[in-house]
Amino acid sequence: MDDDFNSARAIALLFDLAHRVRDPKQDLALREDAARMLVRLGSVLGFFQNLEGRLQDSMPDPSKQLIEMILNYRKEARANKDWALSDRLRDDLLALGIEIKDTAQGTTWNLRK
């Protein structure tokens, strides 16, 4: 195993692949191929365990962020007394199953059941 399993060379190859993945001068298809190979070969060495799960845990839920962004636009419309836009945003959210409530503390939302 000392001669047949050259871990230093294997890790050097992973670094080379990582550089290719991050090189904006490389063609996108080549970068994607390098990324797939990086994950596949790195997994053999025990890297990238549960990669998909860790990525999902570290990424914010874009749906919640989009709803909050729409509510901010609605708040701005209400501040400008643009009631038509405010109502349209509320109705559009409701059509998607998102119920909003305006309270003295601010606007809250939840998914209709």
PDB file of N, CA and C in Angstrom:
ATOM      1  N   MET A   1       0.825  -1.184   0.000  1.00  0.00           N
ATOM      2  CA  MET A   1       0.000   0.000   0.000  1.00  0.00           C
ATOM      3  C   MET A   1       0.870   1.248   0.000  1.00  0.00           C
ATOM      4  N   ASP A   2       2.083   1.183   0.531  1.00  0.00           N
ATOM      5  CA  ASP A   2       2.940   2.366   0.570  1.00  0.00           C
ATOM      6  C   ASP A   2       3.220   2.918  -0.824  1.00  0.00           C
ATOM      7  N   ASP A   3       3.470   2.042  -1.801  1.00  0.00           N
ATOM      8  CA  ASP A   3       3.787   2.498  -3.144  1.00  0.00           C
ATOM      9  C   ASP A   3       2.555   2.601  -4.030  1.00  0.00           C
ATOM     10  N   ASP A   4       1.565   1.766  -3.788  1.00  0.00           N
ATOM     11  CA  ASP A   4       0.407   1.708  -4.678  1.00  0.00           C
ATOM     12  C   ASP A   4      -0.616   2.797  -4.386  1.00  0.00           C
ATOM     13  N   PHE A   5      -0.625   3.326  -3.201  1.00  0.00           N
ATOM     14  CA  PHE A   5      -1.628   4.314  -2.826  1.00  0.00           C
ATOM     15  C   PHE A   5      -0.914   5.618  -2.467  1.00  0.00           C
ATOM     16  N   ASN A   6      -0.723   6.443  -3.458  1.00  0.00           N
ATOM     17  CA  ASN A   6      -0.007   7.701  -3.277  1.00  0.00           C
ATOM     18  C   ASN A   6      -1.023   8.798  -2.949  1.00  0.00           C
ATOM     19  N   SER A   7      -1.345   8.949  -1.667  1.00  0.00           N
ATOM     20  CA  SER A   7      -2.373   9.909  -1.258  1.00  0.00           C
ATOM     21  C   SER A   7      -1.958  11.348  -1.541  1.00  0.00           C
ATOM     22  N   ALA A   8      -0.673  11.654  -1.446  1.00  0.00           N
ATOM     23  CA  ALA A   8      -0.230  13.025  -1.736  1.00  0.00           C
ATOM     24  C   ALA A   8      -0.517  13.394  -3.187  1.00  0.00           C
ATOM     25  N   ARG A   9      -0.263  12.453  -4.082  1.00  0.00           N
ATOM     26  CA  ARG A   9      -0.535  12.710  -5.496  1.00  0.00           C
ATOM     27  C   ARG A   9      -2.037  12.812  -5.745  1.00  0.00           C
ATOM     28  N   ALA A  10      -2.823  11.981  -5.075  1.00  0.00           N
ATOM     29  CA  ALA A  10      -4.276  12.023  -5.222  1.00  0.00           C
ATOM     30  C   ALA A  10      -4.837  13.367  -4.758  1.00  0.00           C
ATOM     31  N   ILE A  11      -4.344  13.862  -3.642  1.00  0.00           N
ATOM     32  CA  ILE A  11      -4.807  15.155  -3.134  1.00  0.00           C
ATOM     33  C   ILE A  11      -4.352  16.284  -4.057  1.00  0.00           C
ATOM     34  N   ALA A  12      -3.158  16.176  -4.608  1.00  0.00           N
ATOM     35  CA  ALA A  12      -2.693  17.177  -5.572  1.00  0.00           C
ATOM     36  C   ALA A  12      -3.610  17.214  -6.787  1.00  0.00           C
ATOM     37  N   LEU A  13      -4.067  16.047  -7.226  1.00  0.00           N
ATOM     38  CA  LEU A  13      -5.002  15.986  -8.349  1.00  0.00           C
ATOM     39  C   LEU A  13      -6.321  16.670  -7.989  1.00  0.00           C
ATOM     40  N   LEU A  14      -6.792  16.479  -6.769  1.00  0.00           N
ATOM     41  CA  LEU A  14      -8.020  17.137  -6.331  1.00  0.00           C
ATOM     42  C   LEU A  14      -7.864  18.655  -6.339  1.00  0.00           C
ATOM     43  N   PHE A  15      -6.707  19.139  -5.898  1.00  0.00           N
ATOM     44  CA  PHE A  15      -6.457  20.580  -5.931  1.00  0.00           C
ATOM     45  C   PHE A  15      -6.441  21.092  -7.364  1.00  0.00           C
ATOM     46  N   ASP A  16      -5.852  20.319  -8.271  1.00  0.00           N
ATOM     47  CA  ASP A  16      -5.823  20.706  -9.677  1.00  0.00           C
ATOM     48  C   ASP A  16      -7.245  20.790 -10.230  1.00  0.00           C
ATOM     49  N   LEU A  17      -8.062  19.816  -9.912  1.00  0.00           N
ATOM     50  CA  LEU A  17      -9.454  19.843 -10.358  1.00  0.00           C
ATOM     51  C   LEU A  17     -10.201  21.037  -9.766  1.00  0.00           C
ATOM     52  N   ALA A  18      -9.944  21.324  -8.501  1.00  0.00           N
ATOM     53  CA  ALA A  18     -10.605  22.466  -7.863  1.00  0.00           C
ATOM     54  C   ALA A  18     -10.223  23.773  -8.554  1.00  0.00           C
ATOM     55  N   HIS A  19      -8.975  23.908  -8.948  1.00  0.00           N
ATOM     56  CA  HIS A  19      -8.548  25.110  -9.671  1.00  0.00           C
ATOM     57  C   HIS A  19      -9.254  25.216 -11.019  1.00  0.00           C
ATOM     58  N   ARG A  20      -9.420  24.083 -11.691  1.00  0.00           N
ATOM     59  CA  ARG A  20     -10.128  24.087 -12.975  1.00  0.00           C
ATOM     60  C   ARG A  20     -11.587  24.495 -12.801  1.00  0.00           C
ATOM     61  N   VAL A  21     -12.198  24.015 -11.738  1.00  0.00           N
ATOM     62  CA  VAL A  21     -13.599  24.340 -11.471  1.00  0.00           C
ATOM     63  C   VAL A  21     -13.763  25.841 -11.258  1.00  0.00           C
ATOM     64  N   ARG A  22     -12.829  26.462 -10.575  1.00  0.00           N
ATOM     65  CA  ARG A  22     -12.939  27.882 -10.231  1.00  0.00           C
ATOM     66  C   ARG A  22     -12.380  28.817 -11.295  1.00  0.00           C
ATOM     67  N   ASP A  23     -11.762  28.295 -12.357  1.00  0.00           N
ATOM     68  CA  ASP A  23     -11.126  29.123 -13.382  1.00  0.00           C
ATOM     69  C   ASP A  23     -12.167  29.660 -14.357  1.00  0.00           C
ATOM     70  N   PRO A  24     -12.457  30.962 -14.308  1.00  0.00           N
ATOM     71  CA  PRO A  24     -13.485  31.522 -15.189  1.00  0.00           C
ATOM     72  C   PRO A  24     -13.077  31.504 -16.663  1.00  0.00           C
ATOM     73  N   LYS A  25     -11.800  31.283 -16.952  1.00  0.00           N
ATOM     74  CA  LYS A  25     -11.336  31.232 -18.341  1.00  0.00           C
ATOM     75  C   LYS A  25     -11.683  29.896 -18.996  1.00  0.00           C
ATOM     76  N   GLN A  26     -11.965  28.880 -18.175  1.00  0.00           N
ATOM     77  CA  GLN A  26     -12.311  27.558 -18.693  1.00  0.00           C
ATOM     78  C   GLN A  26     -13.739  27.561 -19.221  1.00  0.00           C
ATOM     79  N   ASP A  27     -13.982  26.747 -20.233  1.00  0.00           N
ATOM     80  CA  ASP A  27     -15.323  26.544 -20.761  1.00  0.00           C
ATOM     81  C   ASP A  27     -16.210  25.975 -19.650  1.00  0.00           C
ATOM     82  N   LEU A  28     -17.464  26.411 -19.600  1.00  0.00           N
ATOM     83  CA  LEU A  28     -18.374  25.987 -18.530  1.00  0.00           C
ATOM     84  C   LEU A  28     -18.544  24.466 -18.499  1.00  0.00           C
ATOM     85  N   ALA A  29     -18.648  23.837 -19.663  1.00  0.00           N
ATOM     86  CA  ALA A  29     -18.812  22.377 -19.700  1.00  0.00           C
ATOM     87  C   ALA A  29     -17.593  21.675 -19.099  1.00  0.00           C
ATOM     88  N   LEU A  30     -16.401  22.187 -19.370  1.00  0.00           N
ATOM     89  CA  LEU A  30     -15.182  21.598 -18.794  1.00  0.00           C
ATOM     90  C   LEU A  30     -15.150  21.798 -17.281  1.00  0.00           C
ATOM     91  N   ARG A  31     -15.602  22.949 -16.835  1.00  0.00           N
ATOM     92  CA  ARG A  31     -15.642  23.218 -15.395  1.00  0.00           C
ATOM     93  C   ARG A  31     -16.620  22.281 -14.700  1.00  0.00           C
ATOM     94  N   GLU A  32     -17.775  22.040 -15.330  1.00  0.00           N
ATOM     95  CA  GLU A  32     -18.760  21.133 -14.751  1.00  0.00           C
ATOM     96  C   GLU A  32     -18.227  19.705 -14.704  1.00  0.00           C
ATOM     97  N   ASP A  33     -17.544  19.290 -15.771  1.00  0.00           N
ATOM     98  CA  ASP A  33     -16.942  17.957 -15.781  1.00  0.00           C
ATOM     99  C   ASP A  33     -15.898  17.824 -14.675  1.00  0.00           C
ATOM    100  N   ALA A  34     -15.093  18.866 -14.513  1.00  0.00           N
ATOM    101  CA  ALA A  34     -14.065  18.849 -13.468  1.00  0.00           C
ATOM    102  C   ALA A  34     -14.713  18.782 -12.082  1.00  0.00           C
ATOM    103  N   ALA A  35     -15.819  19.490 -11.901  1.00  0.00           N
ATOM    104  CA  ALA A  35     -16.510  19.464 -10.608  1.00  0.00           C
ATOM    105  C   ALA A  35     -17.053  18.072 -10.305  1.00  0.00           C
ATOM    106  N   ARG A  36     -17.655  17.437 -11.311  1.00  0.00           N
ATOM    107  CA  ARG A  36     -18.164  16.072 -11.100  1.00  0.00           C
ATOM    108  C   ARG A  36     -17.029  15.111 -10.756  1.00  0.00           C
ATOM    109  N   MET A  37     -15.929  15.242 -11.463  1.00  0.00           N
ATOM    110  CA  MET A  37     -14.792  14.361 -11.210  1.00  0.00           C
ATOM    111  C   MET A  37     -14.193  14.638  -9.825  1.00  0.00           C
ATOM    112  N   LEU A  38     -14.143  15.895  -9.441  1.00  0.00           N
ATOM    113  CA  LEU A  38     -13.627  16.273  -8.130  1.00  0.00           C
ATOM    114  C   LEU A  38     -14.437  15.605  -7.021  1.00  0.00           C
ATOM    115  N   VAL A  39     -15.749  15.686  -7.130  1.00  0.00           N
ATOM    116  CA  VAL A  39     -16.607  15.086  -6.104  1.00  0.00           C
ATOM    117  C   VAL A  39     -16.485  13.567  -6.126  1.00  0.00           C
ATOM    118  N   ARG A  40     -16.475  12.973  -7.317  1.00  0.00           N
ATOM    119  CA  ARG A  40     -16.384  11.517  -7.415  1.00  0.00           C
ATOM    120  C   ARG A  40     -15.062  10.992  -6.845  1.00  0.00           C
ATOM    121  N   LEU A  41     -13.952  11.595  -7.260  1.00  0.00           N
ATOM    122  CA  LEU A  41     -12.650  11.135  -6.773  1.00  0.00           C
ATOM    123  C   LEU A  41     -12.438  11.492  -5.301  1.00  0.00           C
ATOM    124  N   GLY A  42     -12.909  12.660  -4.909  1.00  0.00           N
ATOM    125  CA  GLY A  42     -12.779  13.054  -3.510  1.00  0.00           C
ATOM    126  C   GLY A  42     -13.563  12.143  -2.587  1.00  0.00           C
ATOM    127  N   SER A  43     -14.690  11.640  -3.063  1.00  0.00           N
ATOM    128  CA  SER A  43     -15.505  10.724  -2.259  1.00  0.00           C
ATOM    129  C   SER A  43     -14.771   9.423  -1.981  1.00  0.00           C
ATOM    130  N   VAL A  44     -13.955   8.993  -2.940  1.00  0.00           N
ATOM    131  CA  VAL A  44     -13.161   7.770  -2.747  1.00  0.00           C
ATOM    132  C   VAL A  44     -12.215   7.932  -1.560  1.00  0.00           C
ATOM    133  N   LEU A  45     -11.719   9.140  -1.374  1.00  0.00           N
ATOM    134  CA  LEU A  45     -10.789   9.406  -0.277  1.00  0.00           C
ATOM    135  C   LEU A  45     -11.498   9.813   1.020  1.00  0.00           C
ATOM    136  N   GLY A  46     -12.834   9.829   0.990  1.00  0.00           N
ATOM    137  CA  GLY A  46     -13.580  10.153   2.197  1.00  0.00           C
ATOM    138  C   GLY A  46     -13.973  11.610   2.308  1.00  0.00           C
ATOM    139  N   PHE A  47     -13.700  12.401   1.282  1.00  0.00           N
ATOM    140  CA  PHE A  47     -14.132  13.796   1.277  1.00  0.00           C
ATOM    141  C   PHE A  47     -15.577  13.873   0.777  1.00  0.00           C
ATOM    142  N   PHE A  48     -16.198  14.993   1.021  1.00  0.00           N
ATOM    143  CA  PHE A  48     -17.533  15.295   0.493  1.00  0.00           C
ATOM    144  C   PHE A  48     -18.604  14.341   1.017  1.00  0.00           C
ATOM    145  N   GLN A  49     -18.454  13.844   2.230  1.00  0.00           N
ATOM    146  CA  GLN A  49     -19.466  12.985   2.823  1.00  0.00           C
ATOM    147  C   GLN A  49     -20.715  13.814   3.096  1.00  0.00           C
ATOM    148  N   ASN A  50     -21.850  13.315   2.667  1.00  0.00           N
ATOM    149  CA  ASN A  50     -23.138  13.983   2.846  1.00  0.00           C
ATOM    150  C   ASN A  50     -23.100  15.408   2.313  1.00  0.00           C
ATOM    151  N   LEU A  51     -22.488  15.583   1.179  1.00  0.00           N
ATOM    152  CA  LEU A  51     -22.324  16.918   0.580  1.00  0.00           C
ATOM    153  C   LEU A  51     -23.663  17.583   0.313  1.00  0.00           C
ATOM    154  N   GLU A  52     -24.591  16.862  -0.279  1.00  0.00           N
ATOM    155  CA  GLU A  52     -25.883  17.453  -0.620  1.00  0.00           C
ATOM    156  C   GLU A  52     -26.626  17.919   0.625  1.00  0.00           C
ATOM    157  N   GLY A  53     -26.626  17.108   1.667  1.00  0.00           N
ATOM    158  CA  GLY A  53     -27.301  17.486   2.905  1.00  0.00           C
ATOM    159  C   GLY A  53     -26.688  18.709   3.546  1.00  0.00           C
ATOM    160  N   ARG A  54     -25.372  18.776   3.548  1.00  0.00           N
ATOM    161  CA  ARG A  54     -24.697  19.938   4.140  1.00  0.00           C
ATOM    162  C   ARG A  54     -24.971  21.195   3.330  1.00  0.00           C
ATOM    163  N   LEU A  55     -25.017  21.093   2.021  1.00  0.00           N
ATOM    164  CA  LEU A  55     -25.312  22.261   1.192  1.00  0.00           C
ATOM    165  C   LEU A  55     -26.726  22.764   1.453  1.00  0.00           C
ATOM    166  N   GLN A  56     -27.670  21.840   1.563  1.00  0.00           N
ATOM    167  CA  GLN A  56     -29.047  22.248   1.828  1.00  0.00           C
ATOM    168  C   GLN A  56     -29.169  22.910   3.195  1.00  0.00           C
ATOM    169  N   ASP A  57     -28.439  22.412   4.182  1.00  0.00           N
ATOM    170  CA  ASP A  57     -28.494  22.994   5.522  1.00  0.00           C
ATOM    171  C   ASP A  57     -27.907  24.397   5.546  1.00  0.00           C
ATOM    172  N   SER A  58     -26.899  24.651   4.714  1.00  0.00           N
ATOM    173  CA  SER A  58     -26.220  25.941   4.761  1.00  0.00           C
ATOM    174  C   SER A  58     -26.872  26.997   3.882  1.00  0.00           C
ATOM    175  N   MET A  59     -27.788  26.588   3.006  1.00  0.00           N
ATOM    176  CA  MET A  59     -28.422  27.545   2.106  1.00  0.00           C
ATOM    177  C   MET A  59     -29.740  28.013   2.695  1.00  0.00           C
ATOM    178  N   PRO A  60     -30.012  29.304   2.618  1.00  0.00           N
ATOM    179  CA  PRO A  60     -31.299  29.788   3.115  1.00  0.00           C
ATOM    180  C   PRO A  60     -32.426  29.345   2.183  1.00  0.00           C
ATOM    181  N   ASP A  61     -33.624  29.256   2.732  1.00  0.00           N
ATOM    182  CA  ASP A  61     -34.786  28.875   1.936  1.00  0.00           C
ATOM    183  C   ASP A  61     -35.184  30.063   1.065  1.00  0.00           C
ATOM    184  N   PRO A  62     -35.030  29.965  -0.255  1.00  0.00           N
ATOM    185  CA  PRO A  62     -35.340  31.110  -1.117  1.00  0.00           C
ATOM    186  C   PRO A  62     -36.819  31.457  -1.109  1.00  0.00           C
ATOM    187  N   SER A  63     -37.699  30.505  -0.845  1.00  0.00           N
ATOM    188  CA  SER A  63     -39.127  30.804  -0.828  1.00  0.00           C
ATOM    189  C   SER A  63     -39.448  31.817   0.264  1.00  0.00           C
ATOM    190  N   LYS A  64     -38.905  31.598   1.444  1.00  0.00           N
ATOM    191  CA  LYS A  64     -39.154  32.530   2.547  1.00  0.00           C
ATOM    192  C   LYS A  64     -38.583  33.899   2.232  1.00  0.00           C
ATOM    193  N   GLN A  65     -37.406  33.917   1.638  1.00  0.00           N
ATOM    194  CA  GLN A  65     -36.788  35.196   1.290  1.00  0.00           C
ATOM    195  C   GLN A  65     -37.617  35.942   0.260  1.00  0.00           C
ATOM    196  N   LEU A  66     -38.163  35.235  -0.717  1.00  0.00           N
ATOM    197  CA  LEU A  66     -38.994  35.880  -1.735  1.00  0.00           C
ATOM    198  C   LEU A  66     -40.273  36.444  -1.131  1.00  0.00           C
ATOM    199  N   ILE A  67     -40.894  35.699  -0.229  1.00  0.00           N
ATOM    200  CA  ILE A  67     -42.105  36.195   0.421  1.00  0.00           C
ATOM    201  C   ILE A  67     -41.794  37.454   1.218  1.00  0.00           C
ATOM    202  N   GLU A  68     -40.703  37.434   1.968  1.00  0.00           N
ATOM    203  CA  GLU A  68     -40.318  38.617   2.736  1.00  0.00           C
ATOM    204  C   GLU A  68     -40.036  39.806   1.817  1.00  0.00           C
ATOM    205  N   MET A  69     -39.417  39.553   0.668  1.00  0.00           N
ATOM    206  CA  MET A  69     -39.139  40.632  -0.284  1.00  0.00           C
ATOM    207  C   MET A  69     -40.447  41.221  -0.817  1.00  0.00           C
ATOM    208  N   ILE A  70     -41.415  40.377  -1.154  1.00  0.00           N
ATOM    209  CA  ILE A  70     -42.707  40.856  -1.640  1.00  0.00           C
ATOM    210  C   ILE A  70     -43.415  41.654  -0.558  1.00  0.00           C
ATOM    211  N   LEU A  71     -43.325  41.172   0.679  1.00  0.00           N
ATOM    212  CA  LEU A  71     -43.951  41.911   1.783  1.00  0.00           C
ATOM    213  C   LEU A  71     -43.293  43.272   1.992  1.00  0.00           C
ATOM    214  N   ASN A  72     -41.990  43.357   1.769  1.00  0.00           N
ATOM    215  CA  ASN A  72     -41.316  44.656   1.858  1.00  0.00           C
ATOM    216  C   ASN A  72     -41.805  45.606   0.770  1.00  0.00           C
ATOM    217  N   TYR A  73     -42.010  45.080  -0.452  1.00  0.00           N
ATOM    218  CA  TYR A  73     -42.566  45.915  -1.522  1.00  0.00           C
ATOM    219  C   TYR A  73     -43.981  46.365  -1.171  1.00  0.00           C
ATOM    220  N   ARG A  74     -44.748  45.476  -0.570  1.00  0.00           N
ATOM    221  CA  ARG A  74     -46.114  45.821  -0.163  1.00  0.00           C
ATOM    222  C   ARG A  74     -46.092  46.889   0.930  1.00  0.00           C
ATOM    223  N   LYS A  75     -45.167  46.764   1.858  1.00  0.00           N
ATOM    224  CA  LYS A  75     -45.036  47.762   2.924  1.00  0.00           C
ATOM    225  C   LYS A  75     -44.701  49.129   2.328  1.00  0.00           C
ATOM    226  N   GLU A  76     -43.814  49.131   1.353  1.00  0.00           N
ATOM    227  CA  GLU A  76     -43.440  50.377   0.689  1.00  0.00           C
ATOM    228  C   GLU A  76     -44.640  50.965  -0.061  1.00  0.00           C
ATOM    229  N   ALA A  77     -45.424  50.109  -0.723  1.00  0.00           N
ATOM    230  CA  ALA A  77     -46.614  50.584  -1.439  1.00  0.00           C
ATOM    231  C   ALA A  77     -47.612  51.186  -0.458  1.00  0.00           C
ATOM    232  N   ARG A  78     -47.787  50.553   0.688  1.00  0.00           N
ATOM    233  CA  ARG A  78     -48.706  51.078   1.695  1.00  0.00           C
ATOM    234  C   ARG A  78     -48.213  52.408   2.247  1.00  0.00           C
ATOM    235  N   ALA A  79     -46.899  52.537   2.429  1.00  0.00           N
ATOM    236  CA  ALA A  79     -46.344  53.807   2.922  1.00  0.00           C
ATOM    237  C   ALA A  79     -46.572  54.932   1.907  1.00  0.00           C
ATOM    238  N   ASN A  80     -46.575  54.564   0.621  1.00  0.00           N
ATOM    239  CA  ASN A  80     -46.821  55.543  -0.443  1.00  0.00           C
ATOM    240  C   ASN A  80     -48.299  55.676  -0.777  1.00  0.00           C
ATOM    241  N   LYS A  81     -49.151  55.022   0.014  1.00  0.00           N
ATOM    242  CA  LYS A  81     -50.601  55.024  -0.169  1.00  0.00           C
ATOM    243  C   LYS A  81     -51.019  54.526  -1.553  1.00  0.00           C
ATOM    244  N   ASP A  82     -50.242  53.571  -2.059  1.00  0.00           N
ATOM    245  CA  ASP A  82     -50.569  52.912  -3.323  1.00  0.00           C
ATOM    246  C   ASP A  82     -51.365  51.668  -2.979  1.00  0.00           C
ATOM    247  N   TRP A  83     -52.653  51.899  -2.648  1.00  0.00           N
ATOM    248  CA  TRP A  83     -53.491  50.817  -2.144  1.00  0.00           C
ATOM    249  C   TRP A  83     -53.753  49.753  -3.200  1.00  0.00           C
ATOM    250  N   ALA A  84     -53.818  50.176  -4.464  1.00  0.00           N
ATOM    251  CA  ALA A  84     -54.076  49.196  -5.529  1.00  0.00           C
ATOM    252  C   ALA A  84     -52.936  48.172  -5.605  1.00  0.00           C
ATOM    253  N   LEU A  85     -51.700  48.644  -5.580  1.00  0.00           N
ATOM    254  CA  LEU A  85     -50.552  47.733  -5.620  1.00  0.00           C
ATOM    255  C   LEU A  85     -50.491  46.876  -4.363  1.00  0.00           C
ATOM    256  N   SER A  86     -50.739  47.492  -3.224  1.00  0.00           N
ATOM    257  CA  SER A  86     -50.724  46.755  -1.961  1.00  0.00           C
ATOM    258  C   SER A  86     -51.750  45.628  -1.983  1.00  0.00           C
ATOM    259  N   ASP A  87     -52.957  45.941  -2.444  1.00  0.00           N
ATOM    260  CA  ASP A  87     -54.007  44.931  -2.505  1.00  0.00           C
ATOM    261  C   ASP A  87     -53.676  43.842  -3.525  1.00  0.00           C
ATOM    262  N   ARG A  88     -53.116  44.242  -4.655  1.00  0.00           N
ATOM    263  CA  ARG A  88     -52.768  43.256  -5.681  1.00  0.00           C
ATOM    264  C   ARG A  88     -51.709  42.288  -5.169  1.00  0.00           C
ATOM    265  N   LEU A  89     -50.685  42.804  -4.466  1.00  0.00           N
ATOM    266  CA  LEU A  89     -49.657  41.935  -3.896  1.00  0.00           C
ATOM    267  C   LEU A  89     -50.262  40.979  -2.875  1.00  0.00           C
ATOM    268  N   ARG A  90     -51.158  41.478  -2.037  1.00  0.00           N
ATOM    269  CA  ARG A  90     -51.829  40.625  -1.051  1.00  0.00           C
ATOM    270  C   ARG A  90     -52.641  39.539  -1.741  1.00  0.00           C
ATOM    271  N   ASP A  91     -53.407  39.927  -2.769  1.00  0.00           N
ATOM    272  CA  ASP A  91     -54.251  38.970  -3.483  1.00  0.00           C
ATOM    273  C   ASP A  91     -53.418  37.934  -4.242  1.00  0.00           C
ATOM    274  N   ASP A  92     -52.312  38.373  -4.829  1.00  0.00           N
ATOM    275  CA  ASP A  92     -51.439  37.438  -5.539  1.00  0.00           C
ATOM    276  C   ASP A  92     -50.822  36.423  -4.580  1.00  0.00           C
ATOM    277  N   LEU A  93     -50.408  36.880  -3.412  1.00  0.00           N
ATOM    278  CA  LEU A  93     -49.872  35.954  -2.413  1.00  0.00           C
ATOM    279  C   LEU A  93     -50.948  34.978  -1.958  1.00  0.00           C
ATOM    280  N   LEU A  94     -52.163  35.488  -1.762  1.00  0.00           N
ATOM    281  CA  LEU A  94     -53.268  34.630  -1.336  1.00  0.00           C
ATOM    282  C   LEU A  94     -53.571  33.567  -2.395  1.00  0.00           C
ATOM    283  N   ALA A  95     -53.494  33.937  -3.669  1.00  0.00           N
ATOM    284  CA  ALA A  95     -53.717  32.981  -4.752  1.00  0.00           C
ATOM    285  C   ALA A  95     -52.670  31.867  -4.734  1.00  0.00           C
ATOM    286  N   LEU A  96     -51.502  32.158  -4.193  1.00  0.00           N
ATOM    287  CA  LEU A  96     -50.439  31.157  -4.070  1.00  0.00           C
ATOM    288  C   LEU A  96     -50.538  30.366  -2.769  1.00  0.00           C
ATOM    289  N   GLY A  97     -51.546  30.694  -1.951  1.00  0.00           N
ATOM    290  CA  GLY A  97     -51.721  29.968  -0.695  1.00  0.00           C
ATOM    291  C   GLY A  97     -50.987  30.599   0.472  1.00  0.00           C
ATOM    292  N   ILE A  98     -50.613  31.870   0.317  1.00  0.00           N
ATOM    293  CA  ILE A  98     -49.886  32.575   1.378  1.00  0.00           C
ATOM    294  C   ILE A  98     -50.802  33.655   1.930  1.00  0.00           C
ATOM    295  N   GLU A  99     -51.190  33.474   3.162  1.00  0.00           N
ATOM    296  CA  GLU A  99     -52.113  34.388   3.811  1.00  0.00           C
ATOM    297  C   GLU A  99     -51.322  35.411   4.622  1.00  0.00           C
ATOM    298  N   ILE A 100     -51.627  36.676   4.442  1.00  0.00           N
ATOM    299  CA  ILE A 100     -50.925  37.709   5.210  1.00  0.00           C
ATOM    300  C   ILE A 100     -51.912  38.418   6.119  1.00  0.00           C
ATOM    301  N   LYS A 101     -51.390  38.870   7.244  1.00  0.00           N
ATOM    302  CA  LYS A 101     -52.194  39.610   8.216  1.00  0.00           C
ATOM    303  C   LYS A 101     -51.433  40.858   8.612  1.00  0.00           C
ATOM    304  N   ASP A 102     -52.136  41.979   8.570  1.00  0.00           N
ATOM    305  CA  ASP A 102     -51.551  43.243   9.010  1.00  0.00           C
ATOM    306  C   ASP A 102     -51.958  43.478  10.452  1.00  0.00           C
ATOM    307  N   THR A 103     -50.968  43.655  11.318  1.00  0.00           N
ATOM    308  CA  THR A 103     -51.226  43.906  12.729  1.00  0.00           C
ATOM    309  C   THR A 103     -50.506  45.192  13.137  1.00  0.00           C
ATOM    310  N   ALA A 104     -50.745  45.610  14.346  1.00  0.00           N
ATOM    311  CA  ALA A 104     -50.072  46.806  14.854  1.00  0.00           C
ATOM    312  C   ALA A 104     -48.559  46.593  14.937  1.00  0.00           C
ATOM    313  N   GLN A 105     -48.136  45.344  15.100  1.00  0.00           N
ATOM    314  CA  GLN A 105     -46.705  45.033  15.199  1.00  0.00           C
ATOM    315  C   GLN A 105     -46.075  44.838  13.817  1.00  0.00           C
ATOM    316  N   GLY A 106     -46.857  44.805  12.782  1.00  0.00           N
ATOM    317  CA  GLY A 106     -46.344  44.600  11.439  1.00  0.00           C
ATOM    318  C   GLY A 106     -47.126  43.525  10.706  1.00  0.00           C
ATOM    319  N   THR A 107     -46.619  43.142   9.566  1.00  0.00           N
ATOM    320  CA  THR A 107     -47.281  42.151   8.740  1.00  0.00           C
ATOM    321  C   THR A 107     -46.697  40.776   9.014  1.00  0.00           C
ATOM    322  N   THR A 108     -47.584  39.806   9.168  1.00  0.00           N
ATOM    323  CA  THR A 108     -47.164  38.420   9.332  1.00  0.00           C
ATOM    324  C   THR A 108     -47.757  37.607   8.199  1.00  0.00           C
ATOM    325  N   TRP A 109     -47.198  36.435   7.973  1.00  0.00           N
ATOM    326  CA  TRP A 109     -47.720  35.571   6.921  1.00  0.00           C
ATOM    327  C   TRP A 109     -47.644  34.122   7.363  1.00  0.00           C
ATOM    328  N   ASN A 110     -48.507  33.306   6.765  1.00  0.00           N
ATOM    329  CA  ASN A 110     -48.453  31.866   6.954  1.00  0.00           C
ATOM    330  C   ASN A 110     -49.064  31.186   5.740  1.00  0.00           C
ATOM    331  N   LEU A 111     -48.794  29.915   5.604  1.00  0.00           N
ATOM    332  CA  LEU A 111     -49.336  29.141   4.493  1.00  0.00           C
ATOM    333  C   LEU A 111     -50.724  28.660   4.859  1.00  0.00           C
ATOM    334  N   ARG A 112     -51.661  28.857   3.946  1.00  0.00           N
ATOM    335  CA  ARG A 112     -53.032  28.384   4.181  1.00  0.00           C
ATOM    336  C   ARG A 112     -53.055  26.874   4.131  1.00  0.00           C
ATOM    337  N   LYS A 113     -53.868  26.310   4.959  1.00  0.00           N
ATOM    338  CA  LYS A 113     -53.974  24.848   5.006  1.00  0.00           C
ATOM    339  C   LYS A 113     -55.171  24.383   4.256  1.00  0.00           C
TER     340      LYS A 113
END
